[in-house]
Amino acid sequence: EKKALFYPNKIPKFSLIIYGSTYGKDFLGGKIEFSDGTVIKPERNLCIFFDSREAHYVHKIKSGNRKLILMKFY
């Protein structure tokens, strides 16, 4: 199941994700993978700041609840 976000007016320049839960403890799945092969397993209080135009993929949550704050910068 693939999904994509569509921004009709403006494309965000940067994204910031702040995780409030930990992979393997609070949930399974939900890792973020970038086009260069980097895979990040979320941890509570981990912050990821990246160029929103960089291709990335978030794996489907298999169980539990993933908590995060997502901010977009235009």
N, C-alpha and C. Protein backbone atom coordinates (compact mmCIF):
# COMPACT_ATOMS: atom_id res chain seq x y z
N GLU A 1 0.84 -1.17 0.00
CA GLU A 1 0.00 0.00 0.00
C GLU A 1 0.89 1.24 0.00
N LYS A 2 0.87 1.99 -1.09
CA LYS A 2 1.71 3.18 -1.20
C LYS A 2 0.83 4.41 -1.15
N LYS A 3 1.32 5.42 -0.44
CA LYS A 3 0.61 6.68 -0.34
C LYS A 3 1.62 7.80 -0.55
N ALA A 4 1.14 8.92 -1.06
CA ALA A 4 2.00 10.07 -1.26
C ALA A 4 1.25 11.32 -0.81
N LEU A 5 1.99 12.29 -0.32
CA LEU A 5 1.40 13.56 0.04
C LEU A 5 1.45 14.48 -1.16
N PHE A 6 0.41 15.25 -1.34
CA PHE A 6 0.35 16.19 -2.45
C PHE A 6 0.14 17.58 -1.89
N TYR A 7 0.99 18.52 -2.27
CA TYR A 7 0.90 19.90 -1.81
C TYR A 7 0.52 20.77 -3.02
N PRO A 8 -0.75 21.16 -3.15
CA PRO A 8 -1.19 21.89 -4.34
C PRO A 8 -0.65 23.31 -4.46
N ASN A 9 -0.35 23.97 -3.34
CA ASN A 9 0.08 25.36 -3.41
C ASN A 9 1.57 25.55 -3.17
N LYS A 10 2.06 25.04 -2.07
CA LYS A 10 3.47 25.20 -1.71
C LYS A 10 4.05 23.86 -1.31
N ILE A 11 5.30 23.66 -1.64
CA ILE A 11 6.01 22.46 -1.22
C ILE A 11 6.88 22.85 -0.03
N PRO A 12 6.80 22.13 1.07
CA PRO A 12 7.63 22.49 2.22
C PRO A 12 9.12 22.30 1.89
N LYS A 13 9.94 23.18 2.44
CA LYS A 13 11.39 23.09 2.20
C LYS A 13 12.03 22.08 3.14
N PHE A 14 11.59 22.09 4.39
CA PHE A 14 12.18 21.20 5.39
C PHE A 14 11.08 20.56 6.24
N SER A 15 11.40 19.42 6.83
CA SER A 15 10.50 18.73 7.75
C SER A 15 11.26 18.42 9.02
N LEU A 16 10.55 18.48 10.14
CA LEU A 16 11.10 18.12 11.44
C LEU A 16 10.16 17.12 12.08
N ILE A 17 10.70 15.98 12.47
CA ILE A 17 9.93 14.97 13.18
C ILE A 17 10.53 14.83 14.58
N ILE A 18 9.68 14.90 15.59
CA ILE A 18 10.10 14.68 16.98
C ILE A 18 9.30 13.48 17.48
N TYR A 19 9.99 12.41 17.80
CA TYR A 19 9.32 11.17 18.21
C TYR A 19 9.01 11.18 19.71
N GLY A 20 7.83 10.67 20.04
CA GLY A 20 7.40 10.55 21.43
C GLY A 20 7.25 9.11 21.86
N SER A 21 7.69 8.19 21.03
CA SER A 21 7.62 6.75 21.35
C SER A 21 8.81 6.05 20.72
N THR A 22 9.06 4.83 21.14
CA THR A 22 10.25 4.10 20.73
C THR A 22 9.90 2.84 19.94
N TYR A 23 10.60 2.65 18.83
CA TYR A 23 10.45 1.46 17.99
C TYR A 23 10.83 0.22 18.80
N GLY A 24 10.02 -0.83 18.70
CA GLY A 24 10.31 -2.07 19.41
C GLY A 24 9.79 -2.11 20.84
N LYS A 25 9.49 -0.95 21.39
CA LYS A 25 8.95 -0.88 22.75
C LYS A 25 7.47 -0.48 22.72
N ASP A 26 7.18 0.60 22.02
CA ASP A 26 5.82 1.12 21.94
C ASP A 26 5.08 0.68 20.67
N PHE A 27 5.84 0.35 19.63
CA PHE A 27 5.25 -0.03 18.35
C PHE A 27 6.25 -0.80 17.50
N LEU A 28 5.75 -1.48 16.48
CA LEU A 28 6.58 -2.15 15.47
C LEU A 28 6.22 -1.59 14.11
N GLY A 29 7.20 -1.52 13.21
CA GLY A 29 7.00 -0.87 11.92
C GLY A 29 7.28 0.61 12.09
N GLY A 30 6.93 1.40 11.09
CA GLY A 30 7.05 2.85 11.22
C GLY A 30 8.44 3.42 11.09
N LYS A 31 9.42 2.61 10.64
CA LYS A 31 10.76 3.16 10.41
C LYS A 31 10.69 4.13 9.24
N ILE A 32 11.59 5.09 9.19
CA ILE A 32 11.67 6.01 8.06
C ILE A 32 12.91 5.66 7.25
N GLU A 33 12.75 5.60 5.94
CA GLU A 33 13.84 5.19 5.04
C GLU A 33 14.03 6.26 3.97
N PHE A 34 15.29 6.69 3.79
CA PHE A 34 15.61 7.71 2.80
C PHE A 34 16.18 7.09 1.53
N SER A 35 16.21 7.87 0.47
CA SER A 35 16.62 7.36 -0.85
C SER A 35 18.07 6.88 -0.89
N ASP A 36 18.91 7.34 0.05
CA ASP A 36 20.31 6.90 0.06
C ASP A 36 20.49 5.58 0.82
N GLY A 37 19.36 4.99 1.29
CA GLY A 37 19.44 3.71 2.01
C GLY A 37 19.46 3.84 3.51
N THR A 38 19.52 5.06 4.03
CA THR A 38 19.51 5.27 5.48
C THR A 38 18.15 4.89 6.04
N VAL A 39 18.15 4.04 7.06
CA VAL A 39 16.92 3.62 7.73
C VAL A 39 17.04 4.03 9.20
N ILE A 40 16.02 4.73 9.69
CA ILE A 40 16.03 5.21 11.07
C ILE A 40 14.91 4.54 11.85
N LYS A 41 15.28 3.91 12.96
CA LYS A 41 14.31 3.34 13.89
C LYS A 41 14.02 4.41 14.94
N PRO A 42 12.78 4.88 15.01
CA PRO A 42 12.44 5.96 15.93
C PRO A 42 12.67 5.62 17.40
N GLU A 43 13.13 6.61 18.14
CA GLU A 43 13.30 6.52 19.59
C GLU A 43 12.67 7.76 20.21
N ARG A 44 12.15 7.60 21.41
CA ARG A 44 11.56 8.74 22.12
C ARG A 44 12.58 9.88 22.21
N ASN A 45 12.13 11.09 21.91
CA ASN A 45 12.93 12.33 21.93
C ASN A 45 13.92 12.45 20.78
N LEU A 46 13.91 11.53 19.83
CA LEU A 46 14.76 11.65 18.64
C LEU A 46 14.16 12.70 17.72
N CYS A 47 14.99 13.60 17.20
CA CYS A 47 14.56 14.63 16.25
C CYS A 47 15.25 14.38 14.92
N ILE A 48 14.48 14.44 13.85
CA ILE A 48 15.03 14.30 12.51
C ILE A 48 14.63 15.54 11.72
N PHE A 49 15.61 16.27 11.20
CA PHE A 49 15.38 17.47 10.40
C PHE A 49 15.95 17.18 9.02
N PHE A 50 15.11 17.28 7.97
CA PHE A 50 15.59 16.92 6.64
C PHE A 50 14.90 17.75 5.56
N ASP A 51 15.51 17.77 4.39
CA ASP A 51 14.97 18.44 3.22
C ASP A 51 13.73 17.67 2.77
N SER A 52 12.59 18.32 2.76
CA SER A 52 11.32 17.66 2.43
C SER A 52 11.28 17.13 1.01
N ARG A 53 12.13 17.68 0.13
CA ARG A 53 12.13 17.24 -1.26
C ARG A 53 12.91 15.94 -1.44
N GLU A 54 13.66 15.53 -0.42
CA GLU A 54 14.39 14.27 -0.50
C GLU A 54 13.40 13.11 -0.42
N ALA A 55 13.54 12.17 -1.33
CA ALA A 55 12.64 11.01 -1.36
C ALA A 55 12.80 10.22 -0.06
N HIS A 56 11.67 9.91 0.56
CA HIS A 56 11.68 9.11 1.78
C HIS A 56 10.39 8.31 1.86
N TYR A 57 10.42 7.29 2.69
CA TYR A 57 9.31 6.36 2.83
C TYR A 57 9.16 6.00 4.30
N VAL A 58 7.93 6.01 4.79
CA VAL A 58 7.66 5.60 6.17
C VAL A 58 6.99 4.23 6.11
N HIS A 59 7.61 3.25 6.75
CA HIS A 59 7.07 1.90 6.77
C HIS A 59 5.76 1.84 7.55
N LYS A 60 4.88 0.97 7.15
CA LYS A 60 3.57 0.81 7.78
C LYS A 60 3.72 0.33 9.22
N ILE A 61 2.90 0.88 10.11
CA ILE A 61 2.88 0.45 11.51
C ILE A 61 2.26 -0.95 11.57
N LYS A 62 2.96 -1.88 12.21
CA LYS A 62 2.48 -3.26 12.31
C LYS A 62 1.68 -3.48 13.60
N SER A 63 2.11 -2.83 14.68
CA SER A 63 1.39 -2.94 15.95
C SER A 63 1.79 -1.80 16.87
N GLY A 64 0.93 -1.52 17.85
CA GLY A 64 1.21 -0.47 18.82
C GLY A 64 0.86 0.91 18.29
N ASN A 65 1.34 1.93 18.99
CA ASN A 65 1.08 3.32 18.63
C ASN A 65 2.37 4.10 18.52
N ARG A 66 2.59 4.73 17.39
CA ARG A 66 3.74 5.61 17.19
C ARG A 66 3.28 7.04 17.43
N LYS A 67 3.94 7.72 18.35
CA LYS A 67 3.61 9.11 18.65
C LYS A 67 4.72 10.01 18.13
N LEU A 68 4.32 11.09 17.46
CA LEU A 68 5.32 12.03 16.95
C LEU A 68 4.70 13.39 16.74
N ILE A 69 5.56 14.37 16.59
CA ILE A 69 5.17 15.71 16.18
C ILE A 69 5.84 15.94 14.83
N LEU A 70 5.08 16.36 13.84
CA LEU A 70 5.61 16.63 12.51
C LEU A 70 5.42 18.11 12.21
N MET A 71 6.51 18.78 11.84
CA MET A 71 6.45 20.19 11.48
C MET A 71 7.02 20.36 10.07
N LYS A 72 6.35 21.18 9.28
CA LYS A 72 6.80 21.50 7.92
C LYS A 72 7.20 22.97 7.88
N PHE A 73 8.31 23.26 7.23
CA PHE A 73 8.81 24.63 7.10
C PHE A 73 8.76 25.05 5.64
N TYR A 74 8.10 26.16 5.38
CA TYR A 74 7.91 26.65 4.01
C TYR A 74 8.80 27.82 3.71
